[in-house]
Amino acid sequence: MEWLIPLIIVVALVLVIGIYLWATYNSLVTLNVRVDEAWSDITVQLKRRADLIPNLIEAVKGYAAHEKAVFENVTKARAETLSASGPAEASAAENHMQQALKSIFAVAEAYPQLQASQNFLQLQSELVDTEDKIQAARRFYNGGVRELNTKIKVFPNTLFVRGLGFHEREFFEVTEAAAIAEPPRVQF
């Protein structure tokens, strides 16, 4: 009878540890899937924006045919955005895209007829909407990454979760803080 109490304690302890490991593993899988889903949302919005860019270029081209370098930079930034495979590459591509879009809107400022064009205004509106969706998707992604990274780093999880194949994920951050320090000034 004396051996029964220690056996019950050991079984209870193993059961508690097993339940903890099971719950931790499942929550990490859930967070990992949530981060993958959030990244997918970002790529969908980046693709949507990239699909709008050729139409925007065509709308501006008719008015500013001599601005060839601007159109080449936008096209290059678009290709870079589409080929980005992770948060770091996408962040760098985002910076280039923002600079390219600033230049195309700066060109548009010089053409009042373009600013009055219904097609240009609609494309501009869709682009603004897409930028808002990209920002929302980035916030959702970064929130998911924060939760996952925290779960991985807390004790005692940090002792065993990497052995289960979980690793910290990168945040989708702006690489050039100076680029966002002052918002672009565009007047239409």
N, C-alpha and C. Protein backbone atom coordinates (compact mmCIF):
# COMPACT_ATOMS: atom_id res chain seq x y z
N MET A 1 0.80 -1.19 0.00
CA MET A 1 0.00 0.00 0.00
C MET A 1 0.85 1.26 0.00
N GLU A 2 2.04 1.19 0.60
CA GLU A 2 2.91 2.36 0.65
C GLU A 2 3.39 2.77 -0.73
N TRP A 3 3.54 1.85 -1.62
CA TRP A 3 4.02 2.14 -2.97
C TRP A 3 2.93 2.74 -3.85
N LEU A 4 1.66 2.63 -3.44
CA LEU A 4 0.54 3.12 -4.24
C LEU A 4 0.51 4.65 -4.30
N ILE A 5 0.78 5.33 -3.22
CA ILE A 5 0.75 6.80 -3.20
C ILE A 5 1.85 7.39 -4.09
N PRO A 6 3.11 6.93 -4.00
CA PRO A 6 4.13 7.45 -4.92
C PRO A 6 3.80 7.15 -6.39
N LEU A 7 3.23 5.98 -6.65
CA LEU A 7 2.85 5.62 -8.02
C LEU A 7 1.76 6.56 -8.54
N ILE A 8 0.78 6.87 -7.72
CA ILE A 8 -0.29 7.80 -8.11
C ILE A 8 0.29 9.18 -8.38
N ILE A 9 1.23 9.61 -7.55
CA ILE A 9 1.86 10.93 -7.74
C ILE A 9 2.64 10.95 -9.06
N VAL A 10 3.39 9.89 -9.34
CA VAL A 10 4.18 9.82 -10.59
C VAL A 10 3.25 9.80 -11.80
N VAL A 11 2.20 9.00 -11.73
CA VAL A 11 1.24 8.92 -12.85
C VAL A 11 0.56 10.27 -13.04
N ALA A 12 0.17 10.92 -11.96
CA ALA A 12 -0.47 12.24 -12.06
C ALA A 12 0.50 13.26 -12.66
N LEU A 13 1.76 13.21 -12.23
CA LEU A 13 2.77 14.13 -12.75
C LEU A 13 3.00 13.89 -14.25
N VAL A 14 3.13 12.64 -14.65
CA VAL A 14 3.30 12.31 -16.08
C VAL A 14 2.08 12.76 -16.86
N LEU A 15 0.91 12.58 -16.31
CA LEU A 15 -0.33 12.99 -16.97
C LEU A 15 -0.39 14.51 -17.14
N VAL A 16 -0.03 15.25 -16.12
CA VAL A 16 -0.02 16.72 -16.20
C VAL A 16 1.00 17.19 -17.24
N ILE A 17 2.20 16.60 -17.22
CA ILE A 17 3.22 16.98 -18.20
C ILE A 17 2.75 16.63 -19.62
N GLY A 18 2.14 15.48 -19.77
CA GLY A 18 1.62 15.07 -21.09
C GLY A 18 0.55 16.02 -21.60
N ILE A 19 -0.35 16.41 -20.72
CA ILE A 19 -1.42 17.34 -21.12
C ILE A 19 -0.80 18.70 -21.47
N TYR A 20 0.18 19.14 -20.70
CA TYR A 20 0.84 20.41 -20.99
C TYR A 20 1.52 20.37 -22.36
N LEU A 21 2.27 19.29 -22.63
CA LEU A 21 2.95 19.15 -23.93
C LEU A 21 1.94 19.10 -25.07
N TRP A 22 0.87 18.37 -24.89
CA TRP A 22 -0.17 18.27 -25.91
C TRP A 22 -0.79 19.64 -26.19
N ALA A 23 -1.16 20.36 -25.13
CA ALA A 23 -1.78 21.67 -25.30
C ALA A 23 -0.80 22.67 -25.92
N THR A 24 0.45 22.63 -25.50
CA THR A 24 1.45 23.55 -26.06
C THR A 24 1.68 23.26 -27.54
N TYR A 25 1.84 22.01 -27.89
CA TYR A 25 2.05 21.62 -29.30
C TYR A 25 0.88 22.09 -30.15
N ASN A 26 -0.34 21.81 -29.70
CA ASN A 26 -1.51 22.20 -30.48
C ASN A 26 -1.63 23.71 -30.62
N SER A 27 -1.32 24.44 -29.56
CA SER A 27 -1.40 25.90 -29.67
C SER A 27 -0.33 26.44 -30.60
N LEU A 28 0.86 25.84 -30.61
CA LEU A 28 1.91 26.26 -31.53
C LEU A 28 1.54 25.95 -32.98
N VAL A 29 0.93 24.81 -33.22
CA VAL A 29 0.46 24.48 -34.57
C VAL A 29 -0.58 25.50 -35.01
N THR A 30 -1.50 25.84 -34.13
CA THR A 30 -2.54 26.82 -34.45
C THR A 30 -1.93 28.18 -34.78
N LEU A 31 -0.98 28.62 -33.97
CA LEU A 31 -0.33 29.91 -34.21
C LEU A 31 0.47 29.88 -35.51
N ASN A 32 1.13 28.79 -35.78
CA ASN A 32 1.91 28.65 -37.02
C ASN A 32 0.99 28.76 -38.24
N VAL A 33 -0.14 28.10 -38.20
CA VAL A 33 -1.10 28.16 -39.30
C VAL A 33 -1.66 29.58 -39.44
N ARG A 34 -1.92 30.23 -38.32
CA ARG A 34 -2.43 31.60 -38.36
C ARG A 34 -1.42 32.54 -39.02
N VAL A 35 -0.14 32.36 -38.70
CA VAL A 35 0.90 33.20 -39.31
C VAL A 35 1.00 32.91 -40.81
N ASP A 36 0.92 31.64 -41.19
CA ASP A 36 0.94 31.29 -42.62
C ASP A 36 -0.25 31.90 -43.34
N GLU A 37 -1.40 31.86 -42.72
CA GLU A 37 -2.60 32.46 -43.31
C GLU A 37 -2.43 33.97 -43.46
N ALA A 38 -1.89 34.60 -42.45
CA ALA A 38 -1.67 36.05 -42.50
C ALA A 38 -0.68 36.41 -43.60
N TRP A 39 0.36 35.60 -43.76
CA TRP A 39 1.32 35.86 -44.83
C TRP A 39 0.64 35.71 -46.19
N SER A 40 -0.22 34.73 -46.30
CA SER A 40 -0.97 34.54 -47.54
C SER A 40 -1.84 35.75 -47.84
N ASP A 41 -2.46 36.32 -46.81
CA ASP A 41 -3.27 37.53 -47.01
C ASP A 41 -2.41 38.68 -47.53
N ILE A 42 -1.21 38.81 -47.00
CA ILE A 42 -0.31 39.87 -47.47
C ILE A 42 0.02 39.66 -48.94
N THR A 43 0.36 38.44 -49.30
CA THR A 43 0.73 38.19 -50.70
C THR A 43 -0.45 38.42 -51.64
N VAL A 44 -1.66 38.12 -51.20
CA VAL A 44 -2.85 38.39 -52.02
C VAL A 44 -2.98 39.88 -52.27
N GLN A 45 -2.81 40.69 -51.24
CA GLN A 45 -2.94 42.14 -51.39
C GLN A 45 -1.80 42.72 -52.22
N LEU A 46 -0.60 42.20 -52.04
CA LEU A 46 0.53 42.66 -52.85
C LEU A 46 0.29 42.33 -54.32
N LYS A 47 -0.27 41.17 -54.58
CA LYS A 47 -0.59 40.77 -55.96
C LYS A 47 -1.68 41.68 -56.52
N ARG A 48 -2.67 42.01 -55.71
CA ARG A 48 -3.74 42.90 -56.16
C ARG A 48 -3.15 44.26 -56.54
N ARG A 49 -2.26 44.76 -55.70
CA ARG A 49 -1.64 46.05 -56.02
C ARG A 49 -0.80 45.94 -57.28
N ALA A 50 -0.05 44.84 -57.40
CA ALA A 50 0.78 44.66 -58.58
C ALA A 50 -0.07 44.59 -59.85
N ASP A 51 -1.26 44.05 -59.74
CA ASP A 51 -2.16 43.99 -60.90
C ASP A 51 -2.73 45.36 -61.25
N LEU A 52 -2.84 46.25 -60.27
CA LEU A 52 -3.33 47.60 -60.54
C LEU A 52 -2.26 48.49 -61.19
N ILE A 53 -1.01 48.20 -60.91
CA ILE A 53 0.09 49.06 -61.36
C ILE A 53 0.12 49.21 -62.88
N PRO A 54 0.03 48.14 -63.68
CA PRO A 54 0.07 48.34 -65.14
C PRO A 54 -1.05 49.27 -65.63
N ASN A 55 -2.22 49.16 -65.04
CA ASN A 55 -3.32 50.04 -65.45
C ASN A 55 -3.03 51.49 -65.09
N LEU A 56 -2.45 51.68 -63.92
CA LEU A 56 -2.09 53.03 -63.50
C LEU A 56 -1.02 53.61 -64.42
N ILE A 57 -0.03 52.79 -64.77
CA ILE A 57 1.02 53.24 -65.68
C ILE A 57 0.43 53.64 -67.02
N GLU A 58 -0.47 52.81 -67.54
CA GLU A 58 -1.09 53.13 -68.83
C GLU A 58 -1.88 54.42 -68.77
N ALA A 59 -2.56 54.66 -67.67
CA ALA A 59 -3.34 55.89 -67.52
C ALA A 59 -2.42 57.11 -67.52
N VAL A 60 -1.27 56.99 -66.88
CA VAL A 60 -0.35 58.12 -66.79
C VAL A 60 0.48 58.26 -68.06
N LYS A 61 0.80 57.13 -68.71
CA LYS A 61 1.65 57.15 -69.90
C LYS A 61 1.12 58.07 -70.99
N GLY A 62 -0.16 58.05 -71.19
CA GLY A 62 -0.74 58.87 -72.25
C GLY A 62 -0.48 60.35 -72.05
N TYR A 63 -0.32 60.77 -70.83
CA TYR A 63 -0.10 62.18 -70.52
C TYR A 63 1.38 62.52 -70.38
N ALA A 64 2.16 61.55 -69.99
CA ALA A 64 3.57 61.83 -69.68
C ALA A 64 4.48 60.80 -70.35
N ALA A 65 4.43 60.74 -71.65
CA ALA A 65 5.21 59.75 -72.39
C ALA A 65 6.71 59.92 -72.20
N HIS A 66 7.17 61.12 -71.90
CA HIS A 66 8.60 61.37 -71.77
C HIS A 66 9.16 60.97 -70.40
N GLU A 67 8.34 60.47 -69.50
CA GLU A 67 8.78 60.07 -68.16
C GLU A 67 9.12 58.58 -68.13
N LYS A 68 9.94 58.13 -69.06
CA LYS A 68 10.25 56.71 -69.23
C LYS A 68 10.89 56.10 -67.97
N ALA A 69 11.80 56.82 -67.32
CA ALA A 69 12.50 56.28 -66.14
C ALA A 69 11.52 55.98 -65.01
N VAL A 70 10.52 56.83 -64.85
CA VAL A 70 9.52 56.62 -63.80
C VAL A 70 8.78 55.30 -64.05
N PHE A 71 8.37 55.08 -65.29
CA PHE A 71 7.63 53.86 -65.61
C PHE A 71 8.50 52.62 -65.46
N GLU A 72 9.76 52.74 -65.82
CA GLU A 72 10.67 51.60 -65.66
C GLU A 72 10.87 51.27 -64.19
N ASN A 73 11.00 52.29 -63.34
CA ASN A 73 11.17 52.06 -61.90
C ASN A 73 9.94 51.41 -61.29
N VAL A 74 8.77 51.84 -61.71
CA VAL A 74 7.53 51.24 -61.19
C VAL A 74 7.43 49.79 -61.63
N THR A 75 7.76 49.52 -62.89
CA THR A 75 7.70 48.15 -63.41
C THR A 75 8.71 47.26 -62.68
N LYS A 76 9.90 47.79 -62.44
CA LYS A 76 10.92 47.03 -61.71
C LYS A 76 10.47 46.75 -60.27
N ALA A 77 9.89 47.75 -59.62
CA ALA A 77 9.41 47.57 -58.24
C ALA A 77 8.28 46.56 -58.20
N ARG A 78 7.42 46.58 -59.20
CA ARG A 78 6.31 45.62 -59.27
C ARG A 78 6.85 44.20 -59.38
N ALA A 79 7.83 43.99 -60.25
CA ALA A 79 8.42 42.66 -60.41
C ALA A 79 9.10 42.20 -59.13
N GLU A 80 9.76 43.12 -58.46
CA GLU A 80 10.42 42.79 -57.19
C GLU A 80 9.40 42.38 -56.14
N THR A 81 8.27 43.07 -56.09
CA THR A 81 7.21 42.73 -55.14
C THR A 81 6.65 41.34 -55.41
N LEU A 82 6.42 41.03 -56.68
CA LEU A 82 5.86 39.73 -57.03
C LEU A 82 6.82 38.58 -56.77
N SER A 83 8.11 38.84 -56.83
CA SER A 83 9.08 37.76 -56.64
C SER A 83 9.54 37.61 -55.20
N ALA A 84 9.13 38.49 -54.30
CA ALA A 84 9.54 38.40 -52.89
C ALA A 84 8.99 37.12 -52.28
N SER A 85 9.87 36.40 -51.56
CA SER A 85 9.44 35.12 -51.01
C SER A 85 9.29 35.11 -49.50
N GLY A 86 9.72 36.14 -48.83
CA GLY A 86 9.60 36.17 -47.37
C GLY A 86 9.43 37.58 -46.87
N PRO A 87 9.24 37.73 -45.58
CA PRO A 87 9.02 39.07 -45.02
C PRO A 87 10.17 40.04 -45.28
N ALA A 88 11.41 39.59 -45.20
CA ALA A 88 12.54 40.50 -45.40
C ALA A 88 12.58 40.99 -46.84
N GLU A 89 12.42 40.07 -47.80
CA GLU A 89 12.41 40.46 -49.22
C GLU A 89 11.20 41.33 -49.53
N ALA A 90 10.06 40.96 -48.99
CA ALA A 90 8.83 41.73 -49.24
C ALA A 90 8.95 43.13 -48.66
N SER A 91 9.60 43.25 -47.52
CA SER A 91 9.78 44.56 -46.90
C SER A 91 10.66 45.45 -47.76
N ALA A 92 11.75 44.90 -48.27
CA ALA A 92 12.62 45.67 -49.17
C ALA A 92 11.87 46.04 -50.44
N ALA A 93 11.10 45.12 -50.98
CA ALA A 93 10.32 45.40 -52.18
C ALA A 93 9.27 46.47 -51.91
N GLU A 94 8.69 46.44 -50.71
CA GLU A 94 7.71 47.46 -50.31
C GLU A 94 8.32 48.85 -50.35
N ASN A 95 9.54 48.97 -49.84
CA ASN A 95 10.21 50.28 -49.85
C ASN A 95 10.42 50.78 -51.26
N HIS A 96 10.85 49.89 -52.16
CA HIS A 96 11.05 50.28 -53.55
C HIS A 96 9.72 50.65 -54.21
N MET A 97 8.67 49.90 -53.89
CA MET A 97 7.36 50.18 -54.48
C MET A 97 6.85 51.53 -54.01
N GLN A 98 7.02 51.83 -52.74
CA GLN A 98 6.56 53.12 -52.21
C GLN A 98 7.27 54.27 -52.92
N GLN A 99 8.56 54.14 -53.11
CA GLN A 99 9.32 55.19 -53.80
C GLN A 99 8.85 55.32 -55.25
N ALA A 100 8.61 54.20 -55.91
CA ALA A 100 8.17 54.24 -57.31
C ALA A 100 6.78 54.87 -57.42
N LEU A 101 5.89 54.53 -56.50
CA LEU A 101 4.54 55.11 -56.55
C LEU A 101 4.57 56.61 -56.26
N LYS A 102 5.46 57.01 -55.35
CA LYS A 102 5.59 58.45 -55.09
C LYS A 102 5.99 59.18 -56.37
N SER A 103 6.92 58.58 -57.12
CA SER A 103 7.38 59.25 -58.34
C SER A 103 6.29 59.29 -59.40
N ILE A 104 5.49 58.24 -59.50
CA ILE A 104 4.43 58.26 -60.52
C ILE A 104 3.34 59.26 -60.14
N PHE A 105 3.05 59.40 -58.86
CA PHE A 105 2.06 60.40 -58.45
C PHE A 105 2.63 61.81 -58.57
N ALA A 106 3.93 61.94 -58.42
CA ALA A 106 4.55 63.25 -58.62
C ALA A 106 4.44 63.66 -60.09
N VAL A 107 4.60 62.70 -61.00
CA VAL A 107 4.43 62.98 -62.42
C VAL A 107 2.97 63.37 -62.69
N ALA A 108 2.06 62.67 -62.06
CA ALA A 108 0.63 62.94 -62.28
C ALA A 108 0.26 64.35 -61.82
N GLU A 109 0.94 64.86 -60.82
CA GLU A 109 0.65 66.21 -60.34
C GLU A 109 0.85 67.27 -61.41
N ALA A 110 1.77 66.99 -62.33
CA ALA A 110 2.09 67.97 -63.36
C ALA A 110 1.06 67.99 -64.49
N TYR A 111 0.08 67.10 -64.46
CA TYR A 111 -0.89 67.01 -65.56
C TYR A 111 -2.31 67.12 -65.02
N PRO A 112 -2.88 68.31 -65.02
CA PRO A 112 -4.23 68.52 -64.49
C PRO A 112 -5.30 67.69 -65.22
N GLN A 113 -5.10 67.48 -66.52
CA GLN A 113 -6.09 66.68 -67.25
C GLN A 113 -6.10 65.24 -66.73
N LEU A 114 -4.93 64.74 -66.38
CA LEU A 114 -4.83 63.38 -65.84
C LEU A 114 -5.52 63.30 -64.48
N GLN A 115 -5.32 64.32 -63.66
CA GLN A 115 -5.93 64.33 -62.34
C GLN A 115 -7.45 64.35 -62.43
N ALA A 116 -7.98 64.86 -63.53
CA ALA A 116 -9.43 64.92 -63.72
C ALA A 116 -9.97 63.67 -64.40
N SER A 117 -9.09 62.82 -64.89
CA SER A 117 -9.51 61.61 -65.60
C SER A 117 -10.20 60.64 -64.64
N GLN A 118 -11.39 60.20 -65.03
CA GLN A 118 -12.17 59.29 -64.19
C GLN A 118 -11.43 57.96 -64.00
N ASN A 119 -10.79 57.48 -65.05
CA ASN A 119 -10.05 56.23 -64.97
C ASN A 119 -8.90 56.34 -63.97
N PHE A 120 -8.16 57.44 -64.04
CA PHE A 120 -7.04 57.65 -63.12
C PHE A 120 -7.54 57.77 -61.68
N LEU A 121 -8.62 58.50 -61.49
CA LEU A 121 -9.17 58.67 -60.14
C LEU A 121 -9.64 57.34 -59.56
N GLN A 122 -10.26 56.51 -60.41
CA GLN A 122 -10.71 55.20 -59.95
C GLN A 122 -9.52 54.32 -59.59
N LEU A 123 -8.49 54.32 -60.43
CA LEU A 123 -7.29 53.53 -60.15
C LEU A 123 -6.61 54.01 -58.87
N GLN A 124 -6.57 55.32 -58.71
CA GLN A 124 -5.97 55.88 -57.50
C GLN A 124 -6.75 55.45 -56.26
N SER A 125 -8.06 55.47 -56.36
CA SER A 125 -8.91 55.06 -55.24
C SER A 125 -8.70 53.58 -54.90
N GLU A 126 -8.64 52.75 -55.93
CA GLU A 126 -8.41 51.31 -55.72
C GLU A 126 -7.03 51.07 -55.11
N LEU A 127 -6.05 51.85 -55.53
CA LEU A 127 -4.71 51.70 -55.00
C LEU A 127 -4.66 52.09 -53.52
N VAL A 128 -5.35 53.17 -53.17
CA VAL A 128 -5.41 53.59 -51.76
C VAL A 128 -6.10 52.51 -50.93
N ASP A 129 -7.19 51.95 -51.45
CA ASP A 129 -7.90 50.88 -50.75
C ASP A 129 -6.99 49.66 -50.57
N THR A 130 -6.24 49.33 -51.60
CA THR A 130 -5.33 48.18 -51.52
C THR A 130 -4.22 48.44 -50.52
N GLU A 131 -3.70 49.67 -50.49
CA GLU A 131 -2.66 50.01 -49.51
C GLU A 131 -3.19 49.85 -48.09
N ASP A 132 -4.44 50.25 -47.87
CA ASP A 132 -5.04 50.07 -46.55
C ASP A 132 -5.15 48.59 -46.20
N LYS A 133 -5.53 47.79 -47.18
CA LYS A 133 -5.65 46.34 -46.94
C LYS A 133 -4.29 45.71 -46.67
N ILE A 134 -3.26 46.20 -47.36
CA ILE A 134 -1.91 45.68 -47.12
C ILE A 134 -1.48 46.00 -45.69
N GLN A 135 -1.75 47.23 -45.25
CA GLN A 135 -1.38 47.61 -43.89
C GLN A 135 -2.12 46.76 -42.86
N ALA A 136 -3.41 46.52 -43.10
CA ALA A 136 -4.19 45.68 -42.17
C ALA A 136 -3.63 44.26 -42.16
N ALA A 137 -3.30 43.73 -43.33
CA ALA A 137 -2.74 42.38 -43.41
C ALA A 137 -1.39 42.31 -42.71
N ARG A 138 -0.59 43.35 -42.84
CA ARG A 138 0.71 43.39 -42.16
C ARG A 138 0.52 43.40 -40.65
N ARG A 139 -0.44 44.18 -40.17
CA ARG A 139 -0.69 44.22 -38.72
C ARG A 139 -1.14 42.84 -38.22
N PHE A 140 -2.02 42.19 -38.96
CA PHE A 140 -2.50 40.87 -38.58
C PHE A 140 -1.34 39.87 -38.58
N TYR A 141 -0.52 39.92 -39.61
CA TYR A 141 0.63 39.02 -39.70
C TYR A 141 1.59 39.25 -38.53
N ASN A 142 1.94 40.52 -38.30
CA ASN A 142 2.88 40.82 -37.21
C ASN A 142 2.32 40.44 -35.85
N GLY A 143 1.00 40.57 -35.67
CA GLY A 143 0.37 40.13 -34.43
C GLY A 143 0.50 38.62 -34.25
N GLY A 144 0.28 37.88 -35.32
CA GLY A 144 0.43 36.43 -35.27
C GLY A 144 1.86 36.02 -35.00
N VAL A 145 2.80 36.70 -35.64
CA VAL A 145 4.23 36.42 -35.41
C VAL A 145 4.59 36.72 -33.96
N ARG A 146 4.07 37.83 -33.43
CA ARG A 146 4.34 38.18 -32.03
C ARG A 146 3.86 37.07 -31.10
N GLU A 147 2.64 36.59 -31.31
CA GLU A 147 2.10 35.53 -30.45
C GLU A 147 2.92 34.24 -30.56
N LEU A 148 3.25 33.86 -31.80
CA LEU A 148 4.02 32.64 -32.01
C LEU A 148 5.40 32.76 -31.38
N ASN A 149 6.09 33.86 -31.64
CA ASN A 149 7.44 34.04 -31.09
C ASN A 149 7.42 34.07 -29.56
N THR A 150 6.41 34.70 -28.99
CA THR A 150 6.29 34.73 -27.52
C THR A 150 6.10 33.32 -26.98
N LYS A 151 5.21 32.56 -27.60
CA LYS A 151 4.94 31.20 -27.15
C LYS A 151 6.20 30.33 -27.24
N ILE A 152 7.01 30.57 -28.25
CA ILE A 152 8.24 29.79 -28.41
C ILE A 152 9.28 30.19 -27.37
N LYS A 153 9.34 31.48 -27.03
CA LYS A 153 10.40 31.98 -26.15
C LYS A 153 10.12 31.83 -24.66
N VAL A 154 8.87 31.64 -24.25
CA VAL A 154 8.58 31.57 -22.82
C VAL A 154 9.07 30.25 -22.23
N PHE A 155 9.43 30.33 -20.97
CA PHE A 155 9.87 29.15 -20.23
C PHE A 155 8.64 28.40 -19.76
N PRO A 156 8.57 27.14 -19.83
CA PRO A 156 9.54 26.13 -20.20
C PRO A 156 9.50 25.75 -21.68
N ASN A 157 8.63 26.41 -22.46
CA ASN A 157 8.50 26.06 -23.88
C ASN A 157 9.83 26.15 -24.61
N THR A 158 10.62 27.14 -24.26
CA THR A 158 11.89 27.36 -24.96
C THR A 158 12.82 26.15 -24.85
N LEU A 159 12.59 25.29 -23.89
CA LEU A 159 13.44 24.11 -23.69
C LEU A 159 13.19 23.01 -24.72
N PHE A 160 11.98 22.95 -25.29
CA PHE A 160 11.68 21.80 -26.13
C PHE A 160 11.00 22.11 -27.47
N VAL A 161 10.44 23.30 -27.68
CA VAL A 161 9.65 23.51 -28.90
C VAL A 161 10.47 23.54 -30.17
N ARG A 162 11.70 23.99 -30.09
CA ARG A 162 12.54 23.97 -31.30
C ARG A 162 12.81 22.53 -31.73
N GLY A 163 12.88 21.65 -30.78
CA GLY A 163 13.05 20.23 -31.09
C GLY A 163 11.83 19.63 -31.77
N LEU A 164 10.69 20.28 -31.61
CA LEU A 164 9.46 19.83 -32.27
C LEU A 164 9.31 20.45 -33.66
N GLY A 165 10.27 21.27 -34.06
CA GLY A 165 10.24 21.85 -35.40
C GLY A 165 9.68 23.26 -35.47
N PHE A 166 9.43 23.88 -34.35
CA PHE A 166 8.91 25.25 -34.36
C PHE A 166 10.07 26.23 -34.26
N HIS A 167 9.98 27.30 -34.98
CA HIS A 167 11.02 28.33 -34.92
C HIS A 167 10.37 29.70 -34.99
N GLU A 168 11.12 30.69 -34.55
CA GLU A 168 10.61 32.05 -34.58
C GLU A 168 10.48 32.53 -36.02
N ARG A 169 9.50 33.40 -36.24
CA ARG A 169 9.26 33.95 -37.57
C ARG A 169 9.68 35.41 -37.61
N GLU A 170 9.94 35.90 -38.82
CA GLU A 170 10.34 37.30 -39.01
C GLU A 170 9.12 38.20 -39.04
N PHE A 171 9.26 39.38 -38.47
CA PHE A 171 8.22 40.40 -38.59
C PHE A 171 8.33 41.04 -39.97
N PHE A 172 7.23 41.55 -40.46
CA PHE A 172 7.21 42.30 -41.72
C PHE A 172 7.42 43.76 -41.34
N GLU A 173 8.68 44.19 -41.38
CA GLU A 173 9.03 45.53 -40.92
C GLU A 173 9.51 46.39 -42.07
N VAL A 174 9.43 47.67 -41.86
CA VAL A 174 9.97 48.62 -42.81
C VAL A 174 11.47 48.68 -42.59
N THR A 175 12.24 48.50 -43.65
CA THR A 175 13.70 48.48 -43.50
C THR A 175 14.30 49.88 -43.48
N GLU A 176 13.62 50.83 -44.09
CA GLU A 176 14.13 52.20 -44.12
C GLU A 176 13.20 53.09 -43.31
N ALA A 177 13.54 53.32 -42.05
CA ALA A 177 12.69 54.13 -41.19
C ALA A 177 12.55 55.55 -41.72
N ALA A 178 13.55 56.06 -42.41
CA ALA A 178 13.50 57.42 -42.96
C ALA A 178 12.42 57.53 -44.03
N ALA A 179 12.12 56.43 -44.70
CA ALA A 179 11.12 56.46 -45.76
C ALA A 179 9.72 56.70 -45.22
N ILE A 180 9.49 56.35 -43.96
CA ILE A 180 8.15 56.55 -43.39
C ILE A 180 8.12 57.65 -42.34
N ALA A 181 9.28 58.26 -42.07
CA ALA A 181 9.33 59.30 -41.05
C ALA A 181 8.43 60.46 -41.41
N GLU A 182 8.38 60.78 -42.70
CA GLU A 182 7.53 61.88 -43.15
C GLU A 182 6.66 61.35 -44.27
N PRO A 183 5.34 61.47 -44.14
CA PRO A 183 4.47 60.93 -45.17
C PRO A 183 4.65 61.67 -46.48
N PRO A 184 4.44 61.00 -47.60
CA PRO A 184 4.57 61.66 -48.89
C PRO A 184 3.53 62.77 -49.05
N ARG A 185 3.93 63.82 -49.69
CA ARG A 185 3.03 64.95 -49.91
C ARG A 185 2.57 64.90 -51.35
N VAL A 186 1.35 64.48 -51.55
CA VAL A 186 0.78 64.39 -52.89
C VAL A 186 -0.49 65.21 -52.92
N GLN A 187 -0.59 66.09 -53.88
CA GLN A 187 -1.77 66.94 -53.99
C GLN A 187 -2.46 66.65 -55.30
N PHE A 188 -3.75 66.43 -55.23
CA PHE A 188 -4.55 66.20 -56.43
C PHE A 188 -5.69 67.17 -56.49
